[in-house]
Structures are given as C-alpha cells and as structure tokens.
C-alpha atoms as a PDB file:
ATOM      1  CA  ALA A   1       3.719 -27.469   6.165  1.00  0.00           C
ATOM      2  CA  PHE A   2       2.173 -23.985   5.892  1.00  0.00           C
ATOM      3  CA  ALA A   3       5.572 -22.281   5.820  1.00  0.00           C
ATOM      4  CA  ALA A   4       6.806 -24.650   3.108  1.00  0.00           C
ATOM      5  CA  ALA A   5       3.769 -23.838   1.001  1.00  0.00           C
ATOM      6  CA  VAL A   6       4.125 -20.049   1.178  1.00  0.00           C
ATOM      7  CA  LEU A   7       7.914 -19.622   1.341  1.00  0.00           C
ATOM      8  CA  PRO A   8       8.494 -19.567  -2.438  1.00  0.00           C
ATOM      9  CA  ARG A   9       5.964 -16.762  -2.835  1.00  0.00           C
ATOM     10  CA  ILE A  10       7.383 -14.872   0.165  1.00  0.00           C
ATOM     11  CA  HIS A  11      10.924 -15.326  -1.162  1.00  0.00           C
ATOM     12  CA  ALA A  12       9.935 -13.808  -4.513  1.00  0.00           C
ATOM     13  CA  ALA A  13       8.731 -10.724  -2.646  1.00  0.00           C
ATOM     14  CA  SER A  14      11.530 -10.546  -0.058  1.00  0.00           C
ATOM     15  CA  PRO A  15      14.318 -13.095   0.462  1.00  0.00           C
ATOM     16  CA  GLU A  16      14.994 -11.599   3.920  1.00  0.00           C
ATOM     17  CA  ALA A  17      11.391 -12.096   5.050  1.00  0.00           C
ATOM     18  CA  ALA A  18      11.410 -15.654   3.716  1.00  0.00           C
ATOM     19  CA  GLN A  19      14.623 -16.397   5.635  1.00  0.00           C
ATOM     20  CA  THR A  20      13.129 -15.046   8.866  1.00  0.00           C
ATOM     21  CA  ILE A  21      10.003 -17.167   8.440  1.00  0.00           C
ATOM     22  CA  TYR A  22      12.035 -20.256   7.545  1.00  0.00           C
ATOM     23  CA  ASN A  23      14.414 -19.871  10.491  1.00  0.00           C
ATOM     24  CA  ASN A  24      11.518 -19.593  12.935  1.00  0.00           C
ATOM     25  CA  LEU A  25       9.097 -22.164  11.502  1.00  0.00           C
ATOM     26  CA  ARG A  26      11.363 -24.888  10.124  1.00  0.00           C
ATOM     27  CA  VAL A  27      11.229 -28.370  11.520  1.00  0.00           C
ATOM     28  CA  GLY A  28      13.700 -28.571  14.381  1.00  0.00           C
ATOM     29  CA  ALA A  29      13.807 -24.832  15.081  1.00  0.00           C
ATOM     30  CA  SER A  30      15.066 -24.350  18.629  1.00  0.00           C
ATOM     31  CA  SER A  31      12.675 -21.434  19.237  1.00  0.00           C
ATOM     32  CA  THR A  32      10.084 -19.325  17.455  1.00  0.00           C
ATOM     33  CA  ASP A  33       9.949 -15.540  17.549  1.00  0.00           C
ATOM     34  CA  SER A  34       6.282 -14.976  16.679  1.00  0.00           C
ATOM     35  CA  ALA A  35       6.722 -11.188  16.494  1.00  0.00           C
ATOM     36  CA  ALA A  36       9.518 -11.583  13.917  1.00  0.00           C
ATOM     37  CA  VAL A  37       7.422 -14.028  11.866  1.00  0.00           C
ATOM     38  CA  LYS A  38       4.392 -11.720  11.989  1.00  0.00           C
ATOM     39  CA  SER A  39       6.525  -8.758  10.974  1.00  0.00           C
ATOM     40  CA  ALA A  40       8.111 -10.717   8.122  1.00  0.00           C
ATOM     41  CA  PHE A  41       4.709 -11.732   6.750  1.00  0.00           C
ATOM     42  CA  GLU A  42       3.331  -8.195   7.105  1.00  0.00           C
ATOM     43  CA  SER A  43       6.335  -6.736   5.270  1.00  0.00           C
ATOM     44  CA  VAL A  44       5.375  -8.574   2.062  1.00  0.00           C
ATOM     45  CA  TYR A  45       1.610  -7.962   2.125  1.00  0.00           C
ATOM     46  CA  PRO A  46       1.805  -5.165  -0.471  1.00  0.00           C
ATOM     47  CA  ALA A  47       3.887  -7.321  -2.848  1.00  0.00           C
ATOM     48  CA  LEU A  48       1.350 -10.132  -2.484  1.00  0.00           C
ATOM     49  CA  GLY A  49      -1.618  -7.835  -3.029  1.00  0.00           C
ATOM     50  CA  ILE A  50      -2.856  -8.359   0.524  1.00  0.00           C
ATOM     51  CA  THR A  51      -3.956  -5.665   2.961  1.00  0.00           C
ATOM     52  CA  CYS A  52      -3.781  -5.702   6.737  1.00  0.00           C
ATOM     53  CA  ALA A  53      -7.562  -5.294   6.826  1.00  0.00           C
ATOM     54  CA  GLU A  54      -7.968  -8.518   4.839  1.00  0.00           C
ATOM     55  CA  MET A  55      -5.705 -10.470   7.192  1.00  0.00           C
ATOM     56  CA  GLY A  56      -6.955  -9.169  10.521  1.00  0.00           C
ATOM     57  CA  GLY A  57      -5.432 -10.368  13.780  1.00  0.00           C
ATOM     58  CA  LEU A  58      -5.557 -13.313  16.168  1.00  0.00           C
ATOM     59  CA  TRP A  59      -8.712 -12.947  18.264  1.00  0.00           C
ATOM     60  CA  ASN A  60      -9.025 -14.244  21.825  1.00  0.00           C
ATOM     61  CA  GLU A  61     -12.720 -15.064  22.173  1.00  0.00           C
ATOM     62  CA  ALA A  62     -12.489 -15.609  25.941  1.00  0.00           C
ATOM     63  CA  GLU A  63     -11.016 -12.129  26.491  1.00  0.00           C
ATOM     64  CA  LYS A  64     -12.972 -10.465  23.654  1.00  0.00           C
ATOM     65  CA  SER A  65      -9.772  -8.842  22.404  1.00  0.00           C
ATOM     66  CA  TYR A  66      -6.760  -9.598  20.242  1.00  0.00           C
ATOM     67  CA  TYR A  67      -3.906 -11.591  21.703  1.00  0.00           C
ATOM     68  CA  SER A  68      -1.067  -9.326  22.756  1.00  0.00           C
ATOM     69  CA  GLY A  69       1.159  -8.607  19.767  1.00  0.00           C
ATOM     70  CA  MET A  70      -1.293 -10.229  17.355  1.00  0.00           C
ATOM     71  CA  GLU A  71      -3.431  -7.186  16.606  1.00  0.00           C
ATOM     72  CA  PRO A  72      -4.137  -6.355  12.951  1.00  0.00           C
ATOM     73  CA  CYS A  73      -1.427  -4.258  11.358  1.00  0.00           C
ATOM     74  CA  GLN A  74      -2.127  -0.862   9.764  1.00  0.00           C
ATOM     75  CA  ASP A  75      -1.859  -0.380   6.010  1.00  0.00           C
ATOM     76  CA  VAL A  76       0.704   2.308   5.242  1.00  0.00           C
ATOM     77  CA  LEU A  77      -0.527   2.869   1.712  1.00  0.00           C
ATOM     78  CA  THR A  78      -4.064   3.868   2.689  1.00  0.00           C
ATOM     79  CA  ARG A  79      -3.541   7.631   2.193  1.00  0.00           C
ATOM     80  CA  GLU A  80      -1.508   7.143  -0.979  1.00  0.00           C
ATOM     81  CA  THR A  81      -4.162   4.793  -2.367  1.00  0.00           C
ATOM     82  CA  GLU A  82      -6.917   7.323  -1.634  1.00  0.00           C
ATOM     83  CA  THR A  83      -4.925  10.020  -3.476  1.00  0.00           C
ATOM     84  CA  VAL A  84      -4.435   7.761  -6.499  1.00  0.00           C
ATOM     85  CA  VAL A  85      -8.158   6.931  -6.580  1.00  0.00           C
ATOM     86  CA  LYS A  86      -9.063  10.641  -6.447  1.00  0.00           C
ATOM     87  CA  ASN A  87      -6.563  11.409  -9.214  1.00  0.00           C
ATOM     88  CA  ASN A  88      -7.928   8.545 -11.322  1.00  0.00           C
ATOM     89  CA  ASN A  89     -11.492   9.807 -10.810  1.00  0.00           C
ATOM     90  CA  THR A  90     -10.476  13.303 -11.891  1.00  0.00           C
ATOM     91  CA  LEU A  91      -8.772  11.910 -14.986  1.00  0.00           C
ATOM     92  CA  ALA A  92     -11.837   9.836 -15.863  1.00  0.00           C
ATOM     93  CA  ILE A  93     -14.124  12.854 -15.540  1.00  0.00           C
ATOM     94  CA  ALA A  94     -11.800  15.004 -17.673  1.00  0.00           C
ATOM     95  CA  LEU A  95     -11.541  12.347 -20.375  1.00  0.00           C
ATOM     96  CA  GLY A  96     -15.302  11.762 -20.350  1.00  0.00           C
ATOM     97  CA  CYS A  97     -16.015  15.479 -20.769  1.00  0.00           C
ATOM     98  CA  THR A  98     -13.416  15.798 -23.545  1.00  0.00           C
ATOM     99  CA  PHE A  99     -14.731  12.854 -25.534  1.00  0.00           C
ATOM    100  CA  GLY A 100     -18.321  13.950 -24.942  1.00  0.00           C
ATOM    101  CA  ALA A 101     -17.536  17.425 -26.313  1.00  0.00           C
ATOM    102  CA  LEU A 102     -15.734  15.943 -29.325  1.00  0.00           C
ATOM    103  CA  PHE A 103     -18.725  13.711 -30.036  1.00  0.00           C
ATOM    104  CA  ALA A 104     -21.108  16.668 -29.814  1.00  0.00           C
ATOM    105  CA  ILE A 105     -18.939  18.722 -32.196  1.00  0.00           C
ATOM    106  CA  ALA A 106     -18.688  15.798 -34.639  1.00  0.00           C
ATOM    107  CA  ALA A 107     -22.491  15.269 -34.534  1.00  0.00           C
ATOM    108  CA  ALA A 108     -23.108  18.992 -35.117  1.00  0.00           C
ATOM    109  CA  PHE A 109     -20.655  18.989 -38.033  1.00  0.00           C
ATOM    110  CA  ILE A 110     -22.348  15.973 -39.644  1.00  0.00           C
ATOM    111  CA  LEU A 111     -25.772  17.621 -39.302  1.00  0.00           C
ATOM    112  CA  PHE A 112     -24.400  20.847 -40.775  1.00  0.00           C
ATOM    113  CA  ILE A 113     -22.941  18.973 -43.775  1.00  0.00           C
ATOM    114  CA  ARG A 114     -26.203  17.037 -44.369  1.00  0.00           C
ATOM    115  CA  ASN A 115     -28.322  20.200 -44.346  1.00  0.00           C
ATOM    116  CA  ARG A 116     -26.093  21.993 -46.882  1.00  0.00           C
END
C-alpha cells in the first residue's frame, strides 16, 4: 500500500527508481532487494525536496545502532548548498548597501532642494 501511494510521485522524479521500487515491493514479488529499494528512494530525495538528514535511518534499539545497510545516507548537495547560501548572503548585503546609499542620496537631495 505504501509503494502504491508514493510511486506516482517517485515516477515523476525518476521512472527508473519507480520501476525498481515497484519490482521489489509489488504484491507477489518473488524477492525484495532492500538495498536497491533504499537506493532508489534516496536517488529521488533531491527532486522531492527531502534531505537524508530528514529521513534518517532504521534504528535497532536493542543494539543501539543502525541496522546494517540502513544507515542514513549523506546529502551530496551540502557543500553546494552552503556555497549558494553564502553567495545569496553576499548579494543581499550588496543590494542592501546599494539601496541604503541611494536612499541617503535621495534624502540629501530633497533636503537640499527644500532649503534653496
């Protein structure tokens, strides 16, 4: 039931990932390759707006560790995202300073005209 609910959304992101999930989780599947299913889901996280940190892994409370092969994945876009954020911050500061200076010049000009 879970696979049927998410497959359309997965297919929109990656038909190959959706096929892998379907083949392994469909009713009557002769076997299930959990590593392939996990990998297929993880491959579409960015397209779905999901991060590995948000999903986490499958925790074994008795062992106090993740089940083998079910550890959280690592986000590949972390460094790129940090660079974009820094660039966006720099742009915001530059625009703020520019508009602030223009406002100050406009205010000084208006005061100059009024005092004439």
